[in-house]
Amino acid sequence: MITIYHNPRCSKSRGACDLVADVYNEAKEPVDVVEYLRNPLTVSELKQLNKMLACPVRDMLRDTEPEYKDLGLADPALTDAQLYEAIERHPVLLQRPIVVRDGRAVIGRPPEAIEALFR
């Protein structure tokens, strides 16, 4: 099963969906496209996703969103728990797209980065 955390308004996210459908998913594995703005992830789900990404929680944040500045998320004193809570309350802060396959995940920026999940 391949899961894509997707924002249909984002060209990079649409590009990742296209690459999975048309290029990388040669085995035609089932794909679950999750529109995370409509179905926000819980803190628990974000922690699980972060574990698969194997990156600092901050790497999951979109620092170009107005909410990032408004909430003071650049403050290095904020804990991971506070960052997870901010993403849960404001899902627009989650990097996109994120593709998950076989217990691993990547942020698809650029969309071609998802190729690593299919090697």
PDB file of N, CA and C in Angstrom:
ATOM      1  N   MET A   1       0.839  -1.176   0.000  1.00  0.00           N
ATOM      2  CA  MET A   1       0.000   0.000   0.000  1.00  0.00           C
ATOM      3  C   MET A   1       0.889   1.245   0.000  1.00  0.00           C
ATOM      4  N   ILE A   2       0.554   2.169  -0.846  1.00  0.00           N
ATOM      5  CA  ILE A   2       1.236   3.457  -0.926  1.00  0.00           C
ATOM      6  C   ILE A   2       0.250   4.498  -0.420  1.00  0.00           C
ATOM      7  N   THR A   3       0.707   5.374   0.452  1.00  0.00           N
ATOM      8  CA  THR A   3      -0.122   6.464   0.941  1.00  0.00           C
ATOM      9  C   THR A   3       0.518   7.781   0.535  1.00  0.00           C
ATOM     10  N   ILE A   4      -0.309   8.672  -0.001  1.00  0.00           N
ATOM     11  CA  ILE A   4       0.171   9.999  -0.376  1.00  0.00           C
ATOM     12  C   ILE A   4      -0.626  11.022   0.416  1.00  0.00           C
ATOM     13  N   TYR A   5       0.072  11.801   1.245  1.00  0.00           N
ATOM     14  CA  TYR A   5      -0.564  12.911   1.947  1.00  0.00           C
ATOM     15  C   TYR A   5      -0.506  14.087   0.986  1.00  0.00           C
ATOM     16  N   HIS A   6      -1.683  14.497   0.545  1.00  0.00           N
ATOM     17  CA  HIS A   6      -1.824  15.303  -0.666  1.00  0.00           C
ATOM     18  C   HIS A   6      -2.659  16.553  -0.433  1.00  0.00           C
ATOM     19  N   ASN A   7      -2.243  17.629  -1.091  1.00  0.00           N
ATOM     20  CA  ASN A   7      -3.034  18.856  -1.166  1.00  0.00           C
ATOM     21  C   ASN A   7      -3.281  19.087  -2.661  1.00  0.00           C
ATOM     22  N   PRO A   8      -4.518  18.927  -3.132  1.00  0.00           N
ATOM     23  CA  PRO A   8      -4.780  19.034  -4.567  1.00  0.00           C
ATOM     24  C   PRO A   8      -4.510  20.416  -5.158  1.00  0.00           C
ATOM     25  N   ARG A   9      -4.380  21.432  -4.316  1.00  0.00           N
ATOM     26  CA  ARG A   9      -4.078  22.778  -4.825  1.00  0.00           C
ATOM     27  C   ARG A   9      -2.591  23.001  -5.047  1.00  0.00           C
ATOM     28  N   CYS A  10      -1.772  22.044  -4.631  1.00  0.00           N
ATOM     29  CA  CYS A  10      -0.319  22.184  -4.711  1.00  0.00           C
ATOM     30  C   CYS A  10       0.217  21.457  -5.945  1.00  0.00           C
ATOM     31  N   SER A  11       0.949  22.181  -6.776  1.00  0.00           N
ATOM     32  CA  SER A  11       1.473  21.574  -8.008  1.00  0.00           C
ATOM     33  C   SER A  11       2.483  20.465  -7.705  1.00  0.00           C
ATOM     34  N   LYS A  12       3.283  20.615  -6.674  1.00  0.00           N
ATOM     35  CA  LYS A  12       4.255  19.567  -6.324  1.00  0.00           C
ATOM     36  C   LYS A  12       3.524  18.309  -5.849  1.00  0.00           C
ATOM     37  N   SER A  13       2.447  18.513  -5.123  1.00  0.00           N
ATOM     38  CA  SER A  13       1.659  17.377  -4.644  1.00  0.00           C
ATOM     39  C   SER A  13       0.975  16.665  -5.812  1.00  0.00           C
ATOM     40  N   ARG A  14       0.418  17.433  -6.723  1.00  0.00           N
ATOM     41  CA  ARG A  14      -0.185  16.820  -7.918  1.00  0.00           C
ATOM     42  C   ARG A  14       0.870  16.088  -8.730  1.00  0.00           C
ATOM     43  N   GLY A  15       2.054  16.676  -8.831  1.00  0.00           N
ATOM     44  CA  GLY A  15       3.146  16.036  -9.559  1.00  0.00           C
ATOM     45  C   GLY A  15       3.550  14.714  -8.934  1.00  0.00           C
ATOM     46  N   ALA A  16       3.570  14.659  -7.602  1.00  0.00           N
ATOM     47  CA  ALA A  16       3.910  13.409  -6.918  1.00  0.00           C
ATOM     48  C   ALA A  16       2.858  12.345  -7.198  1.00  0.00           C
ATOM     49  N   CYS A  17       1.592  12.719  -7.157  1.00  0.00           N
ATOM     50  CA  CYS A  17       0.520  11.756  -7.462  1.00  0.00           C
ATOM     51  C   CYS A  17       0.677  11.217  -8.879  1.00  0.00           C
ATOM     52  N   ASP A  18       0.983  12.106  -9.801  1.00  0.00           N
ATOM     53  CA  ASP A  18       1.172  11.688 -11.195  1.00  0.00           C
ATOM     54  C   ASP A  18       2.357  10.747 -11.337  1.00  0.00           C
ATOM     55  N   LEU A  19       3.465  11.061 -10.667  1.00  0.00           N
ATOM     56  CA  LEU A  19       4.648  10.199 -10.758  1.00  0.00           C
ATOM     57  C   LEU A  19       4.373   8.810 -10.190  1.00  0.00           C
ATOM     58  N   VAL A  20       3.671   8.752  -9.064  1.00  0.00           N
ATOM     59  CA  VAL A  20       3.351   7.444  -8.494  1.00  0.00           C
ATOM     60  C   VAL A  20       2.456   6.670  -9.458  1.00  0.00           C
ATOM     61  N   ALA A  21       1.427   7.330  -9.973  1.00  0.00           N
ATOM     62  CA  ALA A  21       0.469   6.645 -10.847  1.00  0.00           C
ATOM     63  C   ALA A  21       1.073   6.235 -12.187  1.00  0.00           C
ATOM     64  N   ASP A  22       1.911   7.090 -12.755  1.00  0.00           N
ATOM     65  CA  ASP A  22       2.347   6.892 -14.137  1.00  0.00           C
ATOM     66  C   ASP A  22       3.777   6.390 -14.314  1.00  0.00           C
ATOM     67  N   VAL A  23       4.614   6.504 -13.281  1.00  0.00           N
ATOM     68  CA  VAL A  23       6.026   6.177 -13.466  1.00  0.00           C
ATOM     69  C   VAL A  23       6.522   5.142 -12.461  1.00  0.00           C
ATOM     70  N   TYR A  24       6.451   5.451 -11.177  1.00  0.00           N
ATOM     71  CA  TYR A  24       7.118   4.634 -10.170  1.00  0.00           C
ATOM     72  C   TYR A  24       6.352   3.394  -9.748  1.00  0.00           C
ATOM     73  N   ASN A  25       5.053   3.420  -9.784  1.00  0.00           N
ATOM     74  CA  ASN A  25       4.254   2.302  -9.273  1.00  0.00           C
ATOM     75  C   ASN A  25       4.016   1.253 -10.360  1.00  0.00           C
ATOM     76  N   GLU A  26       5.089   0.677 -10.844  1.00  0.00           N
ATOM     77  CA  GLU A  26       4.988  -0.311 -11.921  1.00  0.00           C
ATOM     78  C   GLU A  26       4.225  -1.555 -11.491  1.00  0.00           C
ATOM     79  N   ALA A  27       4.289  -1.900 -10.204  1.00  0.00           N
ATOM     80  CA  ALA A  27       3.598  -3.090  -9.707  1.00  0.00           C
ATOM     81  C   ALA A  27       2.107  -2.833  -9.463  1.00  0.00           C
ATOM     82  N   LYS A  28       1.681  -1.612  -9.691  1.00  0.00           N
ATOM     83  CA  LYS A  28       0.268  -1.227  -9.507  1.00  0.00           C
ATOM     84  C   LYS A  28      -0.233  -1.524  -8.091  1.00  0.00           C
ATOM     85  N   GLU A  29       0.614  -1.166  -7.108  1.00  0.00           N
ATOM     86  CA  GLU A  29       0.211  -1.306  -5.712  1.00  0.00           C
ATOM     87  C   GLU A  29      -0.968  -0.375  -5.447  1.00  0.00           C
ATOM     88  N   PRO A  30      -1.833  -0.732  -4.503  1.00  0.00           N
ATOM     89  CA  PRO A  30      -2.938   0.164  -4.152  1.00  0.00           C
ATOM     90  C   PRO A  30      -2.388   1.489  -3.609  1.00  0.00           C
ATOM     91  N   VAL A  31      -3.071   2.566  -3.934  1.00  0.00           N
ATOM     92  CA  VAL A  31      -2.658   3.897  -3.507  1.00  0.00           C
ATOM     93  C   VAL A  31      -3.806   4.542  -2.744  1.00  0.00           C
ATOM     94  N   ASP A  32      -3.496   5.021  -1.556  1.00  0.00           N
ATOM     95  CA  ASP A  32      -4.459   5.758  -0.740  1.00  0.00           C
ATOM     96  C   ASP A  32      -4.023   7.217  -0.745  1.00  0.00           C
ATOM     97  N   VAL A  33      -4.829   8.081  -1.328  1.00  0.00           N
ATOM     98  CA  VAL A  33      -4.528   9.510  -1.371  1.00  0.00           C
ATOM     99  C   VAL A  33      -5.308  10.175  -0.244  1.00  0.00           C
ATOM    100  N   VAL A  34      -4.586  10.749   0.705  1.00  0.00           N
ATOM    101  CA  VAL A  34      -5.183  11.377   1.874  1.00  0.00           C
ATOM    102  C   VAL A  34      -5.087  12.890   1.714  1.00  0.00           C
ATOM    103  N   GLU A  35      -6.223  13.540   1.592  1.00  0.00           N
ATOM    104  CA  GLU A  35      -6.244  15.000   1.562  1.00  0.00           C
ATOM    105  C   GLU A  35      -6.199  15.477   3.008  1.00  0.00           C
ATOM    106  N   TYR A  36      -4.984  15.719   3.483  1.00  0.00           N
ATOM    107  CA  TYR A  36      -4.769  15.972   4.902  1.00  0.00           C
ATOM    108  C   TYR A  36      -5.365  17.293   5.390  1.00  0.00           C
ATOM    109  N   LEU A  37      -5.706  18.199   4.483  1.00  0.00           N
ATOM    110  CA  LEU A  37      -6.380  19.419   4.928  1.00  0.00           C
ATOM    111  C   LEU A  37      -7.832  19.122   5.287  1.00  0.00           C
ATOM    112  N   ARG A  38      -8.421  18.149   4.621  1.00  0.00           N
ATOM    113  CA  ARG A  38      -9.792  17.723   4.934  1.00  0.00           C
ATOM    114  C   ARG A  38      -9.826  16.710   6.067  1.00  0.00           C
ATOM    115  N   ASN A  39      -8.783  15.927   6.165  1.00  0.00           N
ATOM    116  CA  ASN A  39      -8.677  14.863   7.172  1.00  0.00           C
ATOM    117  C   ASN A  39      -7.360  15.028   7.917  1.00  0.00           C
ATOM    118  N   PRO A  40      -7.287  16.001   8.818  1.00  0.00           N
ATOM    119  CA  PRO A  40      -6.018  16.280   9.508  1.00  0.00           C
ATOM    120  C   PRO A  40      -5.506  15.086  10.296  1.00  0.00           C
ATOM    121  N   LEU A  41      -4.201  14.988  10.371  1.00  0.00           N
ATOM    122  CA  LEU A  41      -3.562  13.923  11.123  1.00  0.00           C
ATOM    123  C   LEU A  41      -3.543  14.283  12.609  1.00  0.00           C
ATOM    124  N   THR A  42      -3.653  13.268  13.437  1.00  0.00           N
ATOM    125  CA  THR A  42      -3.551  13.453  14.878  1.00  0.00           C
ATOM    126  C   THR A  42      -2.075  13.529  15.269  1.00  0.00           C
ATOM    127  N   VAL A  43      -1.820  13.953  16.492  1.00  0.00           N
ATOM    128  CA  VAL A  43      -0.442  13.979  16.980  1.00  0.00           C
ATOM    129  C   VAL A  43       0.165  12.578  16.887  1.00  0.00           C
ATOM    130  N   SER A  44      -0.588  11.572  17.250  1.00  0.00           N
ATOM    131  CA  SER A  44      -0.088  10.197  17.179  1.00  0.00           C
ATOM    132  C   SER A  44       0.279   9.817  15.745  1.00  0.00           C
ATOM    133  N   GLU A  45      -0.571  10.152  14.799  1.00  0.00           N
ATOM    134  CA  GLU A  45      -0.286   9.848  13.386  1.00  0.00           C
ATOM    135  C   GLU A  45       0.914  10.649  12.889  1.00  0.00           C
ATOM    136  N   LEU A  46       1.040  11.882  13.333  1.00  0.00           N
ATOM    137  CA  LEU A  46       2.192  12.708  12.937  1.00  0.00           C
ATOM    138  C   LEU A  46       3.491  12.121  13.473  1.00  0.00           C
ATOM    139  N   LYS A  47       3.466  11.618  14.702  1.00  0.00           N
ATOM    140  CA  LYS A  47       4.661  10.991  15.284  1.00  0.00           C
ATOM    141  C   LYS A  47       5.059   9.748  14.495  1.00  0.00           C
ATOM    142  N   GLN A  48       4.067   8.959  14.133  1.00  0.00           N
ATOM    143  CA  GLN A  48       4.334   7.752  13.339  1.00  0.00           C
ATOM    144  C   GLN A  48       4.916   8.130  11.972  1.00  0.00           C
ATOM    145  N   LEU A  49       4.348   9.141  11.354  1.00  0.00           N
ATOM    146  CA  LEU A  49       4.847   9.608  10.061  1.00  0.00           C
ATOM    147  C   LEU A  49       6.269  10.134  10.205  1.00  0.00           C
ATOM    148  N   ASN A  50       6.529  10.881  11.262  1.00  0.00           N
ATOM    149  CA  ASN A  50       7.863  11.422  11.492  1.00  0.00           C
ATOM    150  C   ASN A  50       8.887  10.315  11.664  1.00  0.00           C
ATOM    151  N   LYS A  51       8.486   9.248  12.337  1.00  0.00           N
ATOM    152  CA  LYS A  51       9.402   8.111  12.524  1.00  0.00           C
ATOM    153  C   LYS A  51       9.774   7.503  11.173  1.00  0.00           C
ATOM    154  N   MET A  52       8.793   7.397  10.272  1.00  0.00           N
ATOM    155  CA  MET A  52       9.067   6.848   8.939  1.00  0.00           C
ATOM    156  C   MET A  52       9.921   7.806   8.104  1.00  0.00           C
ATOM    157  N   LEU A  53       9.730   9.105   8.302  1.00  0.00           N
ATOM    158  CA  LEU A  53      10.526  10.099   7.580  1.00  0.00           C
ATOM    159  C   LEU A  53      11.961  10.143   8.093  1.00  0.00           C
ATOM    160  N   ALA A  54      12.145   9.796   9.360  1.00  0.00           N
ATOM    161  CA  ALA A  54      13.470   9.810   9.990  1.00  0.00           C
ATOM    162  C   ALA A  54      14.135  11.177   9.857  1.00  0.00           C
ATOM    163  N   CYS A  55      13.374  12.206  10.231  1.00  0.00           N
ATOM    164  CA  CYS A  55      13.893  13.564  10.152  1.00  0.00           C
ATOM    165  C   CYS A  55      13.448  14.334  11.391  1.00  0.00           C
ATOM    166  N   PRO A  56      14.062  15.479  11.657  1.00  0.00           N
ATOM    167  CA  PRO A  56      13.567  16.307  12.753  1.00  0.00           C
ATOM    168  C   PRO A  56      12.125  16.753  12.471  1.00  0.00           C
ATOM    169  N   VAL A  57      11.348  16.918  13.518  1.00  0.00           N
ATOM    170  CA  VAL A  57       9.962  17.361  13.359  1.00  0.00           C
ATOM    171  C   VAL A  57       9.910  18.667  12.572  1.00  0.00           C
ATOM    172  N   ARG A  58      10.857  19.541  12.802  1.00  0.00           N
ATOM    173  CA  ARG A  58      10.882  20.834  12.091  1.00  0.00           C
ATOM    174  C   ARG A  58      10.900  20.676  10.577  1.00  0.00           C
ATOM    175  N   ASP A  59      11.485  19.583  10.087  1.00  0.00           N
ATOM    176  CA  ASP A  59      11.525  19.348   8.641  1.00  0.00           C
ATOM    177  C   ASP A  59      10.140  19.059   8.072  1.00  0.00           C
ATOM    178  N   MET A  60       9.203  18.729   8.941  1.00  0.00           N
ATOM    179  CA  MET A  60       7.834  18.455   8.504  1.00  0.00           C
ATOM    180  C   MET A  60       7.012  19.745   8.371  1.00  0.00           C
ATOM    181  N   LEU A  61       7.566  20.849   8.834  1.00  0.00           N
ATOM    182  CA  LEU A  61       6.841  22.123   8.846  1.00  0.00           C
ATOM    183  C   LEU A  61       7.087  22.941   7.592  1.00  0.00           C
ATOM    184  N   ARG A  62       6.017  23.559   7.118  1.00  0.00           N
ATOM    185  CA  ARG A  62       6.115  24.528   6.022  1.00  0.00           C
ATOM    186  C   ARG A  62       6.314  25.901   6.650  1.00  0.00           C
ATOM    187  N   ASP A  63       7.541  26.392   6.578  1.00  0.00           N
ATOM    188  CA  ASP A  63       7.845  27.667   7.232  1.00  0.00           C
ATOM    189  C   ASP A  63       7.440  28.882   6.396  1.00  0.00           C
ATOM    190  N   THR A  64       6.849  28.646   5.241  1.00  0.00           N
ATOM    191  CA  THR A  64       6.386  29.751   4.398  1.00  0.00           C
ATOM    192  C   THR A  64       4.914  30.087   4.623  1.00  0.00           C
ATOM    193  N   GLU A  65       4.229  29.294   5.424  1.00  0.00           N
ATOM    194  CA  GLU A  65       2.819  29.549   5.698  1.00  0.00           C
ATOM    195  C   GLU A  65       2.681  30.661   6.729  1.00  0.00           C
ATOM    196  N   PRO A  66       1.681  31.534   6.584  1.00  0.00           N
ATOM    197  CA  PRO A  66       1.480  32.616   7.560  1.00  0.00           C
ATOM    198  C   PRO A  66       1.333  32.100   9.000  1.00  0.00           C
ATOM    199  N   GLU A  67       0.730  30.930   9.156  1.00  0.00           N
ATOM    200  CA  GLU A  67       0.552  30.368  10.496  1.00  0.00           C
ATOM    201  C   GLU A  67       1.893  30.107  11.195  1.00  0.00           C
ATOM    202  N   TYR A  68       2.909  29.783  10.414  1.00  0.00           N
ATOM    203  CA  TYR A  68       4.226  29.519  10.984  1.00  0.00           C
ATOM    204  C   TYR A  68       4.718  30.759  11.731  1.00  0.00           C
ATOM    205  N   LYS A  69       4.621  31.891  11.080  1.00  0.00           N
ATOM    206  CA  LYS A  69       5.053  33.153  11.708  1.00  0.00           C
ATOM    207  C   LYS A  69       4.091  33.548  12.825  1.00  0.00           C
ATOM    208  N   ASP A  70       2.793  33.471  12.543  1.00  0.00           N
ATOM    209  CA  ASP A  70       1.787  33.889  13.523  1.00  0.00           C
ATOM    210  C   ASP A  70       1.902  33.123  14.837  1.00  0.00           C
ATOM    211  N   LEU A  71       2.255  31.848  14.756  1.00  0.00           N
ATOM    212  CA  LEU A  71       2.355  31.002  15.946  1.00  0.00           C
ATOM    213  C   LEU A  71       3.745  31.016  16.572  1.00  0.00           C
ATOM    214  N   GLY A  72       4.684  31.749  15.963  1.00  0.00           N
ATOM    215  CA  GLY A  72       6.032  31.836  16.505  1.00  0.00           C
ATOM    216  C   GLY A  72       6.778  30.514  16.452  1.00  0.00           C
ATOM    217  N   LEU A  73       6.549  29.732  15.402  1.00  0.00           N
ATOM    218  CA  LEU A  73       7.129  28.396  15.324  1.00  0.00           C
ATOM    219  C   LEU A  73       8.623  28.377  15.009  1.00  0.00           C
ATOM    220  N   ALA A  74       9.193  29.516  14.683  1.00  0.00           N
ATOM    221  CA  ALA A  74      10.638  29.570  14.455  1.00  0.00           C
ATOM    222  C   ALA A  74      11.418  29.519  15.765  1.00  0.00           C
ATOM    223  N   ASP A  75      10.744  29.684  16.873  1.00  0.00           N
ATOM    224  CA  ASP A  75      11.378  29.682  18.187  1.00  0.00           C
ATOM    225  C   ASP A  75      12.040  28.326  18.449  1.00  0.00           C
ATOM    226  N   PRO A  76      13.376  28.296  18.566  1.00  0.00           N
ATOM    227  CA  PRO A  76      14.067  27.021  18.762  1.00  0.00           C
ATOM    228  C   PRO A  76      13.766  26.375  20.117  1.00  0.00           C
ATOM    229  N   ALA A  77      13.170  27.122  21.041  1.00  0.00           N
ATOM    230  CA  ALA A  77      12.850  26.571  22.361  1.00  0.00           C
ATOM    231  C   ALA A  77      11.598  25.700  22.333  1.00  0.00           C
ATOM    232  N   LEU A  78      10.847  25.725  21.238  1.00  0.00           N
ATOM    233  CA  LEU A  78       9.635  24.908  21.160  1.00  0.00           C
ATOM    234  C   LEU A  78      10.004  23.427  21.134  1.00  0.00           C
ATOM    235  N   THR A  79       9.224  22.651  21.842  1.00  0.00           N
ATOM    236  CA  THR A  79       9.471  21.207  21.902  1.00  0.00           C
ATOM    237  C   THR A  79       8.837  20.516  20.698  1.00  0.00           C
ATOM    238  N   ASP A  80       9.257  19.286  20.472  1.00  0.00           N
ATOM    239  CA  ASP A  80       8.634  18.492  19.412  1.00  0.00           C
ATOM    240  C   ASP A  80       7.137  18.374  19.660  1.00  0.00           C
ATOM    241  N   ALA A  81       6.756  18.172  20.904  1.00  0.00           N
ATOM    242  CA  ALA A  81       5.336  18.045  21.238  1.00  0.00           C
ATOM    243  C   ALA A  81       4.568  19.295  20.830  1.00  0.00           C
ATOM    244  N   GLN A  82       5.140  20.456  21.058  1.00  0.00           N
ATOM    245  CA  GLN A  82       4.479  21.697  20.660  1.00  0.00           C
ATOM    246  C   GLN A  82       4.373  21.815  19.144  1.00  0.00           C
ATOM    247  N   LEU A  83       5.392  21.357  18.435  1.00  0.00           N
ATOM    248  CA  LEU A  83       5.365  21.414  16.971  1.00  0.00           C
ATOM    249  C   LEU A  83       4.323  20.443  16.420  1.00  0.00           C
ATOM    250  N   TYR A  84       4.265  19.231  16.975  1.00  0.00           N
ATOM    251  CA  TYR A  84       3.232  18.276  16.549  1.00  0.00           C
ATOM    252  C   TYR A  84       1.837  18.860  16.768  1.00  0.00           C
ATOM    253  N   GLU A  85       1.627  19.469  17.916  1.00  0.00           N
ATOM    254  CA  GLU A  85       0.323  20.051  18.229  1.00  0.00           C
ATOM    255  C   GLU A  85      -0.031  21.171  17.254  1.00  0.00           C
ATOM    256  N   ALA A  86       0.961  21.965  16.880  1.00  0.00           N
ATOM    257  CA  ALA A  86       0.716  23.046  15.921  1.00  0.00           C
ATOM    258  C   ALA A  86       0.291  22.480  14.567  1.00  0.00           C
ATOM    259  N   ILE A  87       0.955  21.407  14.134  1.00  0.00           N
ATOM    260  CA  ILE A  87       0.586  20.793  12.851  1.00  0.00           C
ATOM    261  C   ILE A  87      -0.811  20.179  12.944  1.00  0.00           C
ATOM    262  N   GLU A  88      -1.116  19.547  14.069  1.00  0.00           N
ATOM    263  CA  GLU A  88      -2.443  18.946  14.230  1.00  0.00           C
ATOM    264  C   GLU A  88      -3.526  20.032  14.149  1.00  0.00           C
ATOM    265  N   ARG A  89      -3.316  21.150  14.818  1.00  0.00           N
ATOM    266  CA  ARG A  89      -4.314  22.224  14.835  1.00  0.00           C
ATOM    267  C   ARG A  89      -4.356  23.009  13.523  1.00  0.00           C
ATOM    268  N   HIS A  90      -3.221  23.056  12.820  1.00  0.00           N
ATOM    269  CA  HIS A  90      -3.101  23.834  11.585  1.00  0.00           C
ATOM    270  C   HIS A  90      -2.461  22.946  10.518  1.00  0.00           C
ATOM    271  N   PRO A  91      -3.230  22.034   9.931  1.00  0.00           N
ATOM    272  CA  PRO A  91      -2.649  21.057   9.003  1.00  0.00           C
ATOM    273  C   PRO A  91      -1.971  21.684   7.783  1.00  0.00           C
ATOM    274  N   VAL A  92      -2.270  22.930   7.480  1.00  0.00           N
ATOM    275  CA  VAL A  92      -1.607  23.602   6.360  1.00  0.00           C
ATOM    276  C   VAL A  92      -0.095  23.683   6.590  1.00  0.00           C
ATOM    277  N   LEU A  93       0.335  23.528   7.845  1.00  0.00           N
ATOM    278  CA  LEU A  93       1.758  23.587   8.181  1.00  0.00           C
ATOM    279  C   LEU A  93       2.523  22.329   7.775  1.00  0.00           C
ATOM    280  N   LEU A  94       1.822  21.247   7.472  1.00  0.00           N
ATOM    281  CA  LEU A  94       2.491  19.991   7.121  1.00  0.00           C
ATOM    282  C   LEU A  94       3.091  20.075   5.726  1.00  0.00           C
ATOM    283  N   GLN A  95       4.353  19.693   5.624  1.00  0.00           N
ATOM    284  CA  GLN A  95       4.995  19.632   4.305  1.00  0.00           C
ATOM    285  C   GLN A  95       4.179  18.746   3.384  1.00  0.00           C
ATOM    286  N   ARG A  96       4.262  19.028   2.110  1.00  0.00           N
ATOM    287  CA  ARG A  96       3.524  18.230   1.134  1.00  0.00           C
ATOM    288  C   ARG A  96       4.323  18.143  -0.147  1.00  0.00           C
ATOM    289  N   PRO A  97       4.086  17.094  -0.845  1.00  0.00           N
ATOM    290  CA  PRO A  97       3.398  15.866  -0.476  1.00  0.00           C
ATOM    291  C   PRO A  97       4.320  14.995   0.356  1.00  0.00           C
ATOM    292  N   ILE A  98       3.733  14.077   1.092  1.00  0.00           N
ATOM    293  CA  ILE A  98       4.503  13.044   1.787  1.00  0.00           C
ATOM    294  C   ILE A  98       3.989  11.707   1.253  1.00  0.00           C
ATOM    295  N   VAL A  99       4.930  10.873   0.826  1.00  0.00           N
ATOM    296  CA  VAL A  99       4.582   9.566   0.276  1.00  0.00           C
ATOM    297  C   VAL A  99       5.153   8.497   1.195  1.00  0.00           C
ATOM    298  N   VAL A 100       4.304   7.514   1.519  1.00  0.00           N
ATOM    299  CA  VAL A 100       4.677   6.419   2.414  1.00  0.00           C
ATOM    300  C   VAL A 100       4.556   5.104   1.661  1.00  0.00           C
ATOM    301  N   ARG A 101       5.585   4.274   1.817  1.00  0.00           N
ATOM    302  CA  ARG A 101       5.574   2.935   1.200  1.00  0.00           C
ATOM    303  C   ARG A 101       6.493   2.026   2.007  1.00  0.00           C
ATOM    304  N   ASP A 102       6.011   0.859   2.326  1.00  0.00           N
ATOM    305  CA  ASP A 102       6.808  -0.168   3.012  1.00  0.00           C
ATOM    306  C   ASP A 102       7.486   0.355   4.284  1.00  0.00           C
ATOM    307  N   GLY A 103       6.764   1.134   5.073  1.00  0.00           N
ATOM    308  CA  GLY A 103       7.300   1.614   6.346  1.00  0.00           C
ATOM    309  C   GLY A 103       8.306   2.743   6.238  1.00  0.00           C
ATOM    310  N   ARG A 104       8.471   3.268   5.038  1.00  0.00           N
ATOM    311  CA  ARG A 104       9.369   4.411   4.828  1.00  0.00           C
ATOM    312  C   ARG A 104       8.562   5.547   4.234  1.00  0.00           C
ATOM    313  N   ALA A 105       9.036   6.766   4.435  1.00  0.00           N
ATOM    314  CA  ALA A 105       8.338   7.929   3.895  1.00  0.00           C
ATOM    315  C   ALA A 105       9.354   8.956   3.417  1.00  0.00           C
ATOM    316  N   VAL A 106       8.921   9.754   2.441  1.00  0.00           N
ATOM    317  CA  VAL A 106       9.729  10.873   1.968  1.00  0.00           C
ATOM    318  C   VAL A 106       8.812  12.065   1.724  1.00  0.00           C
ATOM    319  N   ILE A 107       9.410  13.233   1.870  1.00  0.00           N
ATOM    320  CA  ILE A 107       8.728  14.463   1.484  1.00  0.00           C
ATOM    321  C   ILE A 107       9.044  14.666   0.011  1.00  0.00           C
ATOM    322  N   GLY A 108       8.018  14.777  -0.788  1.00  0.00           N
ATOM    323  CA  GLY A 108       8.184  14.859  -2.243  1.00  0.00           C
ATOM    324  C   GLY A 108       8.462  16.256  -2.744  1.00  0.00           C
ATOM    325  N   ARG A 109       9.509  16.855  -2.246  1.00  0.00           N
ATOM    326  CA  ARG A 109       9.955  18.166  -2.710  1.00  0.00           C
ATOM    327  C   ARG A 109      11.427  18.038  -3.057  1.00  0.00           C
ATOM    328  N   PRO A 110      11.747  17.931  -4.291  1.00  0.00           N
ATOM    329  CA  PRO A 110      10.891  17.909  -5.470  1.00  0.00           C
ATOM    330  C   PRO A 110      10.182  16.563  -5.584  1.00  0.00           C
ATOM    331  N   PRO A 111       9.138  16.496  -6.408  1.00  0.00           N
ATOM    332  CA  PRO A 111       8.380  15.243  -6.532  1.00  0.00           C
ATOM    333  C   PRO A 111       9.248  14.039  -6.882  1.00  0.00           C
ATOM    334  N   GLU A 112      10.326  14.251  -7.599  1.00  0.00           N
ATOM    335  CA  GLU A 112      11.204  13.140  -7.989  1.00  0.00           C
ATOM    336  C   GLU A 112      11.875  12.475  -6.784  1.00  0.00           C
ATOM    337  N   ALA A 113      11.854  13.134  -5.629  1.00  0.00           N
ATOM    338  CA  ALA A 113      12.456  12.561  -4.418  1.00  0.00           C
ATOM    339  C   ALA A 113      11.765  11.265  -4.002  1.00  0.00           C
ATOM    340  N   ILE A 114      10.526  11.087  -4.447  1.00  0.00           N
ATOM    341  CA  ILE A 114       9.801   9.872  -4.048  1.00  0.00           C
ATOM    342  C   ILE A 114      10.334   8.620  -4.740  1.00  0.00           C
ATOM    343  N   GLU A 115      11.138   8.790  -5.754  1.00  0.00           N
ATOM    344  CA  GLU A 115      11.726   7.635  -6.446  1.00  0.00           C
ATOM    345  C   GLU A 115      12.482   6.745  -5.458  1.00  0.00           C
ATOM    346  N   ALA A 116      13.059   7.337  -4.417  1.00  0.00           N
ATOM    347  CA  ALA A 116      13.830   6.563  -3.432  1.00  0.00           C
ATOM    348  C   ALA A 116      13.006   5.455  -2.796  1.00  0.00           C
ATOM    349  N   LEU A 117      11.688   5.624  -2.711  1.00  0.00           N
ATOM    350  CA  LEU A 117      10.831   4.599  -2.112  1.00  0.00           C
ATOM    351  C   LEU A 117      10.617   3.397  -3.031  1.00  0.00           C
ATOM    352  N   PHE A 118      10.981   3.535  -4.283  1.00  0.00           N
ATOM    353  CA  PHE A 118      10.730   2.473  -5.263  1.00  0.00           C
ATOM    354  C   PHE A 118      11.988   1.791  -5.745  1.00  0.00           C
ATOM    355  N   ARG A 119      13.114   2.086  -5.126  1.00  0.00           N
ATOM    356  CA  ARG A 119      14.377   1.426  -5.493  1.00  0.00           C
ATOM    357  C   ARG A 119      14.599   0.207  -4.649  1.00  0.00           C
TER     358      ARG A 119
END
